Amino acid sequence: MTFALPDWLDPEIWADFERVRRLIKKPLTDTARKRIVKKLDDARSYCDPNDCLGETVENCWQGVYPRKPEDKAIEKEIELPGPWAKRL
């Protein structure tokens, strides 16, 4: 079974990713392609896969690293005396 690029991934960005992988002497196998697409698909609920892939290309990374949404922790004031007062 051969690899087919899903329609939600930009073919131009994917081609750049493939080119980077060849330049760093780590060409993709069909298995690696499928695993990377699955990783991007799993992250679609919280990040744009094309942005993630674009960041990978910009930084010449070997893999993809979807950014998880920032924790929405509630800020609270800590009462400390003088210059040690700070926010968390």
Foldseek 3Di string as FASTA:
>chain_A
DADDDDPLEDPVLVVLLQVLCVVVVRHDDRVNVVVQVVVLVVCVVADRSNVQSNVCSVVSHNGTDDDHDDDPDDKDWDDDPDPVTDID
